[in-house]
């Protein structure tokens, strides 16, 4: 009688890298009304009134403030949408993105 030997096969382990996260940053300017900045933060980033006011105040005092952290595509979309909303109203409000360290 012939003996059949089967060897277990191992599949190579694939390491899935987490997507690199990007910060959305609000840059201060001296022209956009504070109420409008709060409105944009609430609309685009789903912040409460008090959260949005804190972010706006921090950006005003320090020159910039991290609004939120997302995957690259989401961060860029949100920054673009928020900046575009300001442009449509004639304000120079600017949101940028940068990779998180």
PDB file of N, CA and C in Angstrom:
ATOM      1  N   UNK A   1       0.841  -1.172   0.000  1.00  0.00           N
ATOM      2  CA  UNK A   1       0.000   0.000   0.000  1.00  0.00           C
ATOM      3  C   UNK A   1       0.895   1.247   0.000  1.00  0.00           C
ATOM      4  N   UNK A   2       0.524   2.178  -0.840  1.00  0.00           N
ATOM      5  CA  UNK A   2       1.334   3.388  -1.004  1.00  0.00           C
ATOM      6  C   UNK A   2       0.847   4.479  -0.051  1.00  0.00           C
ATOM      7  N   UNK A   3       1.780   5.115   0.646  1.00  0.00           N
ATOM      8  CA  UNK A   3       1.425   6.167   1.603  1.00  0.00           C
ATOM      9  C   UNK A   3       1.479   7.530   0.907  1.00  0.00           C
ATOM     10  N   UNK A   4       0.433   8.282   1.092  1.00  0.00           N
ATOM     11  CA  UNK A   4       0.375   9.624   0.497  1.00  0.00           C
ATOM     12  C   UNK A   4       0.704  10.636   1.585  1.00  0.00           C
ATOM     13  N   UNK A   5       1.711  11.449   1.287  1.00  0.00           N
ATOM     14  CA  UNK A   5       2.129  12.467   2.248  1.00  0.00           C
ATOM     15  C   UNK A   5       1.726  13.829   1.697  1.00  0.00           C
ATOM     16  N   UNK A   6       0.987  14.548   2.497  1.00  0.00           N
ATOM     17  CA  UNK A   6       0.617  15.911   2.069  1.00  0.00           C
ATOM     18  C   UNK A   6       1.333  16.902   2.978  1.00  0.00           C
ATOM     19  N   UNK A   7       1.880  17.904   2.339  1.00  0.00           N
ATOM     20  CA  UNK A   7       2.577  18.943   3.085  1.00  0.00           C
ATOM     21  C   UNK A   7       1.667  20.154   3.207  1.00  0.00           C
ATOM     22  N   UNK A   8       1.580  20.717   4.401  1.00  0.00           N
ATOM     23  CA  UNK A   8       0.747  21.916   4.524  1.00  0.00           C
ATOM     24  C   UNK A   8       1.385  23.069   3.745  1.00  0.00           C
ATOM     25  N   UNK A   9       0.555  23.786   3.073  1.00  0.00           N
ATOM     26  CA  UNK A   9       1.075  24.934   2.335  1.00  0.00           C
ATOM     27  C   UNK A   9       0.821  26.196   3.160  1.00  0.00           C
ATOM     28  N   UNK A  10       1.798  27.032   3.172  1.00  0.00           N
ATOM     29  CA  UNK A  10       1.630  28.303   3.886  1.00  0.00           C
ATOM     30  C   UNK A  10       1.559  29.416   2.871  1.00  0.00           C
ATOM     31  N   UNK A  11       0.610  30.270   3.095  1.00  0.00           N
ATOM     32  CA  UNK A  11       0.467  31.416   2.209  1.00  0.00           C
ATOM     33  C   UNK A  11       1.328  32.535   2.771  1.00  0.00           C
ATOM     34  N   UNK A  12       1.989  33.261   1.892  1.00  0.00           N
ATOM     35  CA  UNK A  12       2.807  34.370   2.386  1.00  0.00           C
ATOM     36  C   UNK A  12       1.917  35.413   3.083  1.00  0.00           C
ATOM     37  N   UNK A  13       2.388  35.880   4.204  1.00  0.00           N
ATOM     38  CA  UNK A  13       1.639  36.894   4.948  1.00  0.00           C
ATOM     39  C   UNK A  13       1.791  38.250   4.254  1.00  0.00           C
ATOM     40  N   UNK A  14       0.676  38.829   3.900  1.00  0.00           N
ATOM     41  CA  UNK A  14       0.707  40.153   3.301  1.00  0.00           C
ATOM     42  C   UNK A  14       0.526  41.186   4.398  1.00  0.00           C
ATOM     43  N   UNK A  15       1.455  42.100   4.459  1.00  0.00           N
ATOM     44  CA  UNK A  15       1.310  43.172   5.440  1.00  0.00           C
ATOM     45  C   UNK A  15       0.627  44.343   4.757  1.00  0.00           C
ATOM     46  N   UNK A  16      -0.530  44.642   5.238  1.00  0.00           N
ATOM     47  CA  UNK A  16      -1.279  45.753   4.673  1.00  0.00           C
ATOM     48  C   UNK A  16      -0.912  47.008   5.459  1.00  0.00           C
ATOM     49  N   UNK A  17      -0.392  47.973   4.732  1.00  0.00           N
ATOM     50  CA  UNK A  17      -0.004  49.220   5.379  1.00  0.00           C
ATOM     51  C   UNK A  17      -1.216  50.121   5.504  1.00  0.00           C
ATOM     52  N   UNK A  18      -1.329  50.731   6.652  1.00  0.00           N
ATOM     53  CA  UNK A  18      -2.418  51.686   6.822  1.00  0.00           C
ATOM     54  C   UNK A  18      -2.143  52.893   5.936  1.00  0.00           C
ATOM     55  N   UNK A  19      -3.207  53.471   5.378  1.00  0.00           N
ATOM     56  CA  UNK A  19      -2.981  54.655   4.543  1.00  0.00           C
ATOM     57  C   UNK A  19      -2.421  55.796   5.389  1.00  0.00           C
ATOM     58  N   UNK A  20      -1.538  56.538   4.798  1.00  0.00           N
ATOM     59  CA  UNK A  20      -0.929  57.664   5.503  1.00  0.00           C
ATOM     60  C   UNK A  20      -1.984  58.748   5.702  1.00  0.00           C
ATOM     61  N   UNK A  21      -2.038  59.273   6.897  1.00  0.00           N
ATOM     62  CA  UNK A  21      -3.043  60.282   7.206  1.00  0.00           C
ATOM     63  C   UNK A  21      -2.521  61.689   6.916  1.00  0.00           C
ATOM     64  N   UNK A  22      -3.454  62.573   6.599  1.00  0.00           N
ATOM     65  CA  UNK A  22      -3.119  63.963   6.284  1.00  0.00           C
ATOM     66  C   UNK A  22      -3.936  64.895   7.170  1.00  0.00           C
ATOM     67  N   UNK A  23      -3.297  65.975   7.601  1.00  0.00           N
ATOM     68  CA  UNK A  23      -3.956  66.981   8.425  1.00  0.00           C
ATOM     69  C   UNK A  23      -4.582  68.040   7.514  1.00  0.00           C
ATOM     70  N   UNK A  24      -5.770  68.469   7.879  1.00  0.00           N
ATOM     71  CA  UNK A  24      -6.378  69.629   7.231  1.00  0.00           C
ATOM     72  C   UNK A  24      -6.080  70.811   8.149  1.00  0.00           C
ATOM     73  N   UNK A  25      -5.492  71.845   7.579  1.00  0.00           N
ATOM     74  CA  UNK A  25      -5.049  72.997   8.372  1.00  0.00           C
ATOM     75  C   UNK A  25      -5.784  74.257   7.925  1.00  0.00           C
ATOM     76  N   UNK A  26      -6.322  74.968   8.906  1.00  0.00           N
ATOM     77  CA  UNK A  26      -6.964  76.249   8.663  1.00  0.00           C
ATOM     78  C   UNK A  26      -5.925  77.348   8.862  1.00  0.00           C
ATOM     79  N   UNK A  27      -5.743  78.176   7.840  1.00  0.00           N
ATOM     80  CA  UNK A  27      -4.795  79.293   7.926  1.00  0.00           C
ATOM     81  C   UNK A  27      -5.564  80.576   8.242  1.00  0.00           C
ATOM     82  N   UNK A  28      -5.034  81.352   9.159  1.00  0.00           N
ATOM     83  CA  UNK A  28      -5.689  82.602   9.547  1.00  0.00           C
ATOM     84  C   UNK A  28      -5.517  83.671   8.469  1.00  0.00           C
ATOM     85  N   UNK A  29      -6.537  84.476   8.319  1.00  0.00           N
ATOM     86  CA  UNK A  29      -6.408  85.695   7.519  1.00  0.00           C
ATOM     87  C   UNK A  29      -7.169  86.787   8.265  1.00  0.00           C
ATOM     88  N   UNK A  30      -6.888  88.015   7.943  1.00  0.00           N
ATOM     89  CA  UNK A  30      -7.505  89.124   8.673  1.00  0.00           C
ATOM     90  C   UNK A  30      -8.733  89.698   7.965  1.00  0.00           C
ATOM     91  N   UNK A  31      -9.283  88.960   7.005  1.00  0.00           N
ATOM     92  CA  UNK A  31     -10.387  89.492   6.212  1.00  0.00           C
ATOM     93  C   UNK A  31     -11.674  88.689   6.327  1.00  0.00           C
ATOM     94  N   UNK A  32     -11.551  87.379   6.500  1.00  0.00           N
ATOM     95  CA  UNK A  32     -12.749  86.538   6.562  1.00  0.00           C
ATOM     96  C   UNK A  32     -13.412  86.692   7.928  1.00  0.00           C
ATOM     97  N   UNK A  33     -14.709  87.006   7.939  1.00  0.00           N
ATOM     98  CA  UNK A  33     -15.400  87.161   9.225  1.00  0.00           C
ATOM     99  C   UNK A  33     -15.384  85.858  10.045  1.00  0.00           C
ATOM    100  N   UNK A  34     -15.233  86.012  11.336  1.00  0.00           N
ATOM    101  CA  UNK A  34     -15.161  84.845  12.224  1.00  0.00           C
ATOM    102  C   UNK A  34     -16.413  83.983  12.135  1.00  0.00           C
ATOM    103  N   UNK A  35     -17.572  84.625  12.043  1.00  0.00           N
ATOM    104  CA  UNK A  35     -18.823  83.865  11.950  1.00  0.00           C
ATOM    105  C   UNK A  35     -18.842  82.988  10.707  1.00  0.00           C
ATOM    106  N   UNK A  36     -18.292  83.500   9.603  1.00  0.00           N
ATOM    107  CA  UNK A  36     -18.261  82.714   8.373  1.00  0.00           C
ATOM    108  C   UNK A  36     -17.333  81.510   8.530  1.00  0.00           C
ATOM    109  N   UNK A  37     -16.185  81.698   9.178  1.00  0.00           N
ATOM    110  CA  UNK A  37     -15.243  80.595   9.409  1.00  0.00           C
ATOM    111  C   UNK A  37     -15.932  79.499  10.227  1.00  0.00           C
ATOM    112  N   UNK A  38     -16.642  79.889  11.265  1.00  0.00           N
ATOM    113  CA  UNK A  38     -17.363  78.928  12.101  1.00  0.00           C
ATOM    114  C   UNK A  38     -18.404  78.180  11.265  1.00  0.00           C
ATOM    115  N   UNK A  39     -19.116  78.900  10.415  1.00  0.00           N
ATOM    116  CA  UNK A  39     -20.130  78.280   9.562  1.00  0.00           C
ATOM    117  C   UNK A  39     -19.507  77.226   8.638  1.00  0.00           C
ATOM    118  N   UNK A  40     -18.366  77.553   8.031  1.00  0.00           N
ATOM    119  CA  UNK A  40     -17.684  76.608   7.137  1.00  0.00           C
ATOM    120  C   UNK A  40     -17.207  75.376   7.914  1.00  0.00           C
ATOM    121  N   UNK A  41     -16.635  75.588   9.078  1.00  0.00           N
ATOM    122  CA  UNK A  41     -16.160  74.463   9.892  1.00  0.00           C
ATOM    123  C   UNK A  41     -17.313  73.545  10.286  1.00  0.00           C
ATOM    124  N   UNK A  42     -18.439  74.123  10.642  1.00  0.00           N
ATOM    125  CA  UNK A  42     -19.607  73.323  11.005  1.00  0.00           C
ATOM    126  C   UNK A  42     -20.134  72.535   9.805  1.00  0.00           C
ATOM    127  N   UNK A  43     -20.186  73.187   8.649  1.00  0.00           N
ATOM    128  CA  UNK A  43     -20.748  72.548   7.461  1.00  0.00           C
ATOM    129  C   UNK A  43     -19.839  71.466   6.883  1.00  0.00           C
ATOM    130  N   UNK A  44     -18.569  71.781   6.697  1.00  0.00           N
ATOM    131  CA  UNK A  44     -17.669  70.845   6.013  1.00  0.00           C
ATOM    132  C   UNK A  44     -17.072  69.789   6.942  1.00  0.00           C
ATOM    133  N   UNK A  45     -16.854  70.158   8.209  1.00  0.00           N
ATOM    134  CA  UNK A  45     -16.178  69.237   9.118  1.00  0.00           C
ATOM    135  C   UNK A  45     -17.088  68.713  10.222  1.00  0.00           C
ATOM    136  N   UNK A  46     -18.390  69.012  10.108  1.00  0.00           N
ATOM    137  CA  UNK A  46     -19.391  68.496  11.047  1.00  0.00           C
ATOM    138  C   UNK A  46     -19.056  68.806  12.507  1.00  0.00           C
ATOM    139  N   UNK A  47     -18.585  70.016  12.751  1.00  0.00           N
ATOM    140  CA  UNK A  47     -18.238  70.425  14.119  1.00  0.00           C
ATOM    141  C   UNK A  47     -19.435  71.082  14.788  1.00  0.00           C
ATOM    142  N   UNK A  48     -19.427  71.027  16.113  1.00  0.00           N
ATOM    143  CA  UNK A  48     -20.438  71.771  16.869  1.00  0.00           C
ATOM    144  C   UNK A  48     -20.035  73.249  16.847  1.00  0.00           C
ATOM    145  N   UNK A  49     -20.945  74.093  17.281  1.00  0.00           N
ATOM    146  CA  UNK A  49     -20.678  75.534  17.341  1.00  0.00           C
ATOM    147  C   UNK A  49     -19.441  75.817  18.207  1.00  0.00           C
ATOM    148  N   UNK A  50     -19.374  75.169  19.369  1.00  0.00           N
ATOM    149  CA  UNK A  50     -18.258  75.451  20.285  1.00  0.00           C
ATOM    150  C   UNK A  50     -16.933  74.895  19.762  1.00  0.00           C
ATOM    151  N   UNK A  51     -16.958  73.719  19.132  1.00  0.00           N
ATOM    152  CA  UNK A  51     -15.725  73.165  18.535  1.00  0.00           C
ATOM    153  C   UNK A  51     -15.213  74.101  17.446  1.00  0.00           C
ATOM    154  N   UNK A  52     -16.114  74.509  16.567  1.00  0.00           N
ATOM    155  CA  UNK A  52     -15.739  75.376  15.447  1.00  0.00           C
ATOM    156  C   UNK A  52     -15.183  76.708  15.957  1.00  0.00           C
ATOM    157  N   UNK A  53     -15.792  77.245  16.995  1.00  0.00           N
ATOM    158  CA  UNK A  53     -15.316  78.513  17.556  1.00  0.00           C
ATOM    159  C   UNK A  53     -13.914  78.356  18.145  1.00  0.00           C
ATOM    160  N   UNK A  54     -13.647  77.214  18.802  1.00  0.00           N
ATOM    161  CA  UNK A  54     -12.313  76.977  19.367  1.00  0.00           C
ATOM    162  C   UNK A  54     -11.258  76.854  18.272  1.00  0.00           C
ATOM    163  N   UNK A  55     -11.573  76.136  17.202  1.00  0.00           N
ATOM    164  CA  UNK A  55     -10.628  75.978  16.092  1.00  0.00           C
ATOM    165  C   UNK A  55     -10.359  77.333  15.445  1.00  0.00           C
ATOM    166  N   UNK A  56     -11.411  78.092  15.210  1.00  0.00           N
ATOM    167  CA  UNK A  56     -11.261  79.412  14.589  1.00  0.00           C
ATOM    168  C   UNK A  56     -10.414  80.330  15.468  1.00  0.00           C
ATOM    169  N   UNK A  57     -10.658  80.314  16.773  1.00  0.00           N
ATOM    170  CA  UNK A  57      -9.900  81.159  17.703  1.00  0.00           C
ATOM    171  C   UNK A  57      -8.430  80.752  17.740  1.00  0.00           C
ATOM    172  N   UNK A  58      -8.169  79.457  17.765  1.00  0.00           N
ATOM    173  CA  UNK A  58      -6.789  78.969  17.769  1.00  0.00           C
ATOM    174  C   UNK A  58      -6.059  79.409  16.504  1.00  0.00           C
ATOM    175  N   UNK A  59      -6.714  79.267  15.346  1.00  0.00           N
ATOM    176  CA  UNK A  59      -6.098  79.697  14.088  1.00  0.00           C
ATOM    177  C   UNK A  59      -5.843  81.201  14.116  1.00  0.00           C
ATOM    178  N   UNK A  60      -6.767  81.948  14.677  1.00  0.00           N
ATOM    179  CA  UNK A  60      -6.620  83.408  14.745  1.00  0.00           C
ATOM    180  C   UNK A  60      -5.430  83.797  15.628  1.00  0.00           C
ATOM    181  N   UNK A  61      -5.274  83.111  16.751  1.00  0.00           N
ATOM    182  CA  UNK A  61      -4.204  83.452  17.697  1.00  0.00           C
ATOM    183  C   UNK A  61      -2.842  82.942  17.253  1.00  0.00           C
ATOM    184  N   UNK A  62      -2.795  81.760  16.655  1.00  0.00           N
ATOM    185  CA  UNK A  62      -1.509  81.129  16.317  1.00  0.00           C
ATOM    186  C   UNK A  62      -1.145  81.217  14.836  1.00  0.00           C
ATOM    187  N   UNK A  63      -2.082  81.655  14.000  1.00  0.00           N
ATOM    188  CA  UNK A  63      -1.805  81.754  12.574  1.00  0.00           C
ATOM    189  C   UNK A  63      -2.279  80.551  11.776  1.00  0.00           C
ATOM    190  N   UNK A  64      -2.450  79.413  12.448  1.00  0.00           N
ATOM    191  CA  UNK A  64      -2.935  78.195  11.788  1.00  0.00           C
ATOM    192  C   UNK A  64      -3.412  77.224  12.848  1.00  0.00           C
ATOM    193  N   UNK A  65      -4.273  76.292  12.435  1.00  0.00           N
ATOM    194  CA  UNK A  65      -4.782  75.290  13.377  1.00  0.00           C
ATOM    195  C   UNK A  65      -5.142  74.023  12.611  1.00  0.00           C
ATOM    196  N   UNK A  66      -4.770  72.870  13.159  1.00  0.00           N
ATOM    197  CA  UNK A  66      -5.179  71.603  12.556  1.00  0.00           C
ATOM    198  C   UNK A  66      -6.669  71.431  12.831  1.00  0.00           C
ATOM    199  N   UNK A  67      -7.427  71.236  11.765  1.00  0.00           N
ATOM    200  CA  UNK A  67      -8.876  71.095  11.883  1.00  0.00           C
ATOM    201  C   UNK A  67      -9.239  69.639  12.152  1.00  0.00           C
ATOM    202  N   UNK A  68      -8.657  68.727  11.365  1.00  0.00           N
ATOM    203  CA  UNK A  68      -8.969  67.304  11.484  1.00  0.00           C
ATOM    204  C   UNK A  68      -7.916  66.508  10.726  1.00  0.00           C
ATOM    205  N   UNK A  69      -7.954  65.189  10.897  1.00  0.00           N
ATOM    206  CA  UNK A  69      -7.010  64.299  10.218  1.00  0.00           C
ATOM    207  C   UNK A  69      -7.810  63.228   9.489  1.00  0.00           C
ATOM    208  N   UNK A  70      -7.482  63.037   8.208  1.00  0.00           N
ATOM    209  CA  UNK A  70      -8.192  62.086   7.355  1.00  0.00           C
ATOM    210  C   UNK A  70      -7.189  61.370   6.459  1.00  0.00           C
ATOM    211  N   UNK A  71      -7.698  60.414   5.673  1.00  0.00           N
ATOM    212  CA  UNK A  71      -6.862  59.848   4.617  1.00  0.00           C
ATOM    213  C   UNK A  71      -6.618  60.966   3.613  1.00  0.00           C
ATOM    214  N   UNK A  72      -5.617  60.811   2.774  1.00  0.00           N
ATOM    215  CA  UNK A  72      -5.205  61.883   1.859  1.00  0.00           C
ATOM    216  C   UNK A  72      -6.356  62.403   0.994  1.00  0.00           C
ATOM    217  N   UNK A  73      -7.091  61.506   0.356  1.00  0.00           N
ATOM    218  CA  UNK A  73      -8.163  61.922  -0.549  1.00  0.00           C
ATOM    219  C   UNK A  73      -9.249  62.714   0.179  1.00  0.00           C
ATOM    220  N   UNK A  74      -9.650  62.221   1.337  1.00  0.00           N
ATOM    221  CA  UNK A  74     -10.700  62.897   2.101  1.00  0.00           C
ATOM    222  C   UNK A  74     -10.206  64.270   2.575  1.00  0.00           C
ATOM    223  N   UNK A  75      -8.982  64.324   3.076  1.00  0.00           N
ATOM    224  CA  UNK A  75      -8.418  65.593   3.546  1.00  0.00           C
ATOM    225  C   UNK A  75      -8.379  66.625   2.422  1.00  0.00           C
ATOM    226  N   UNK A  76      -7.906  66.203   1.259  1.00  0.00           N
ATOM    227  CA  UNK A  76      -7.824  67.137   0.124  1.00  0.00           C
ATOM    228  C   UNK A  76      -9.199  67.597  -0.324  1.00  0.00           C
ATOM    229  N   UNK A  77     -10.171  66.681  -0.362  1.00  0.00           N
ATOM    230  CA  UNK A  77     -11.540  67.046  -0.752  1.00  0.00           C
ATOM    231  C   UNK A  77     -12.141  68.065   0.218  1.00  0.00           C
ATOM    232  N   UNK A  78     -11.996  67.795   1.497  1.00  0.00           N
ATOM    233  CA  UNK A  78     -12.580  68.694   2.500  1.00  0.00           C
ATOM    234  C   UNK A  78     -11.906  70.069   2.472  1.00  0.00           C
ATOM    235  N   UNK A  79     -10.582  70.094   2.343  1.00  0.00           N
ATOM    236  CA  UNK A  79      -9.857  71.368   2.279  1.00  0.00           C
ATOM    237  C   UNK A  79     -10.294  72.158   1.048  1.00  0.00           C
ATOM    238  N   UNK A  80     -10.415  71.484  -0.075  1.00  0.00           N
ATOM    239  CA  UNK A  80     -10.841  72.144  -1.317  1.00  0.00           C
ATOM    240  C   UNK A  80     -12.272  72.665  -1.202  1.00  0.00           C
ATOM    241  N   UNK A  81     -13.172  71.838  -0.684  1.00  0.00           N
ATOM    242  CA  UNK A  81     -14.572  72.256  -0.538  1.00  0.00           C
ATOM    243  C   UNK A  81     -14.709  73.464   0.382  1.00  0.00           C
ATOM    244  N   UNK A  82     -13.989  73.451   1.493  1.00  0.00           N
ATOM    245  CA  UNK A  82     -14.067  74.558   2.455  1.00  0.00           C
ATOM    246  C   UNK A  82     -13.488  75.842   1.848  1.00  0.00           C
ATOM    247  N   UNK A  83     -12.365  75.726   1.155  1.00  0.00           N
ATOM    248  CA  UNK A  83     -11.751  76.896   0.512  1.00  0.00           C
ATOM    249  C   UNK A  83     -12.658  77.436  -0.591  1.00  0.00           C
ATOM    250  N   UNK A  84     -13.240  76.531  -1.377  1.00  0.00           N
ATOM    251  CA  UNK A  84     -14.152  76.943  -2.456  1.00  0.00           C
ATOM    252  C   UNK A  84     -15.386  77.663  -1.914  1.00  0.00           C
ATOM    253  N   UNK A  85     -15.909  77.196  -0.783  1.00  0.00           N
ATOM    254  CA  UNK A  85     -17.083  77.841  -0.179  1.00  0.00           C
ATOM    255  C   UNK A  85     -16.748  79.292   0.169  1.00  0.00           C
ATOM    256  N   UNK A  86     -15.538  79.524   0.673  1.00  0.00           N
ATOM    257  CA  UNK A  86     -15.108  80.888   1.009  1.00  0.00           C
ATOM    258  C   UNK A  86     -14.935  81.728  -0.250  1.00  0.00           C
ATOM    259  N   UNK A  87     -14.339  81.143  -1.286  1.00  0.00           N
ATOM    260  CA  UNK A  87     -14.107  81.885  -2.538  1.00  0.00           C
ATOM    261  C   UNK A  87     -15.428  82.342  -3.149  1.00  0.00           C
ATOM    262  N   UNK A  88     -16.446  81.479  -3.055  1.00  0.00           N
ATOM    263  CA  UNK A  88     -17.750  81.827  -3.630  1.00  0.00           C
ATOM    264  C   UNK A  88     -18.352  83.047  -2.928  1.00  0.00           C
ATOM    265  N   UNK A  89     -17.968  83.248  -1.672  1.00  0.00           N
ATOM    266  CA  UNK A  89     -18.462  84.408  -0.923  1.00  0.00           C
ATOM    267  C   UNK A  89     -17.489  85.582  -0.984  1.00  0.00           C
ATOM    268  N   UNK A  90     -16.366  85.409  -1.705  1.00  0.00           N
ATOM    269  CA  UNK A  90     -15.405  86.480  -1.869  1.00  0.00           C
ATOM    270  C   UNK A  90     -14.393  86.611  -0.739  1.00  0.00           C
ATOM    271  N   UNK A  91     -14.232  85.560   0.056  1.00  0.00           N
ATOM    272  CA  UNK A  91     -13.278  85.601   1.175  1.00  0.00           C
ATOM    273  C   UNK A  91     -12.000  84.836   0.853  1.00  0.00           C
ATOM    274  N   UNK A  92     -10.863  85.279   1.402  1.00  0.00           N
ATOM    275  CA  UNK A  92      -9.583  84.615   1.133  1.00  0.00           C
ATOM    276  C   UNK A  92      -9.278  83.437   2.073  1.00  0.00           C
ATOM    277  N   UNK A  93     -10.263  82.953   2.806  1.00  0.00           N
ATOM    278  CA  UNK A  93     -10.072  81.842   3.743  1.00  0.00           C
ATOM    279  C   UNK A  93      -9.395  80.672   3.033  1.00  0.00           C
ATOM    280  N   UNK A  94      -8.396  80.070   3.693  1.00  0.00           N
ATOM    281  CA  UNK A  94      -7.645  79.000   3.047  1.00  0.00           C
ATOM    282  C   UNK A  94      -7.451  77.809   3.978  1.00  0.00           C
ATOM    283  N   UNK A  95      -7.725  76.643   3.444  1.00  0.00           N
ATOM    284  CA  UNK A  95      -7.458  75.375   4.116  1.00  0.00           C
ATOM    285  C   UNK A  95      -6.415  74.631   3.297  1.00  0.00           C
ATOM    286  N   UNK A  96      -5.428  74.059   3.948  1.00  0.00           N
ATOM    287  CA  UNK A  96      -4.402  73.277   3.258  1.00  0.00           C
ATOM    288  C   UNK A  96      -4.320  71.891   3.898  1.00  0.00           C
ATOM    289  N   UNK A  97      -3.526  71.024   3.276  1.00  0.00           N
ATOM    290  CA  UNK A  97      -3.295  69.690   3.860  1.00  0.00           C
ATOM    291  C   UNK A  97      -1.804  69.425   3.898  1.00  0.00           C
ATOM    292  N   UNK A  98      -1.410  68.571   4.827  1.00  0.00           N
ATOM    293  CA  UNK A  98      -0.025  68.093   4.864  1.00  0.00           C
ATOM    294  C   UNK A  98      -0.007  66.736   5.537  1.00  0.00           C
ATOM    295  N   UNK A  99       0.955  65.888   5.169  1.00  0.00           N
ATOM    296  CA  UNK A  99       1.037  64.557   5.764  1.00  0.00           C
ATOM    297  C   UNK A  99       1.293  64.650   7.262  1.00  0.00           C
ATOM    298  N   UNK A 100       0.695  63.714   7.962  1.00  0.00           N
ATOM    299  CA  UNK A 100       0.946  63.641   9.413  1.00  0.00           C
ATOM    300  C   UNK A 100       2.230  62.876   9.638  1.00  0.00           C
ATOM    301  N   UNK A 101       3.045  63.312  10.605  1.00  0.00           N
ATOM    302  CA  UNK A 101       4.309  62.637  10.860  1.00  0.00           C
ATOM    303  C   UNK A 101       4.105  61.321  11.562  1.00  0.00           C
TER     304      UNK A 101
END
